[in-house]
Amino acid sequence: KSGKESYETHYLAGHANWKINDYKTAIGHWYSAKKNRPQDLNVYLDLIKAHNSLGQTKVAFSLCREGLKKFPDSRELKLSLASLLIKVKISLKALEVIESLKSEDSNDYRSLALESKIYFDMGNYEKAETGIKWALAISPGNPNLMNNHAIILERIAELKRAGGDKAGAKKNLEEAKKQLELAVAKENKTVFSDNLKRVGDSLNVL
């Protein structure tokens, strides 16, 4: 209103508008913030997340690559790149990025969770479960990881049930239910509750 602007005013205005679901205005403010301070990493990360969440994957990729040219050592940008590669099913390239991240820091659960997601999408549920268990060992109270573990266990149970192993399927579903109950207790998200109901229904059928 006073006719003045800065990186901070645009950056904060972007977050305020995002909170009230005015996504177009939010993104516009973040681009203005980026123009005011082109060497700031945070605004790149917010723009990538914003475009990705709105399904504008190509724009998110472009920003990610642009950001990595300026910040080649940014772990956050590399994680964003891996997530985008997973989204568009470029699994082998995503694994390359994740292996690099793991070699830099083996105690970052996020790279392990992404690796688990890749193997899940590829149908390698054993490796997917190993990855998510490793991630949970590093971040044991993380409800999102508990939810992801439950989804993997549910898929394994489906395969066992299809193969006639009802006892094995029941065991996996019971563990999935336990993980989801813990996740709901930590953070009562609708997706956690919906998954818990579905797993409970599957157990009742067995």
Foldseek 3Di string as FASTA:
>chain_A
DPPDDALVVLQVVLVVCVVVVVLVSSLVSLVVSCVRPVLDPVSLLVNLVSCVVVVNLVVSLVSLVVNCVNVVPDPSSLLSNLVSCVVVPVLVVSVVSLVVVCVVPVLQLSSLQSNLSSCVVVVNLVSSLVSLVSSCVSVVLALVSLQSNLVSLQVVLVVCVVVVNNVSSLVSLVSSLVSLVSSCVSPVDPVSVVSNVVSVVVNVVD
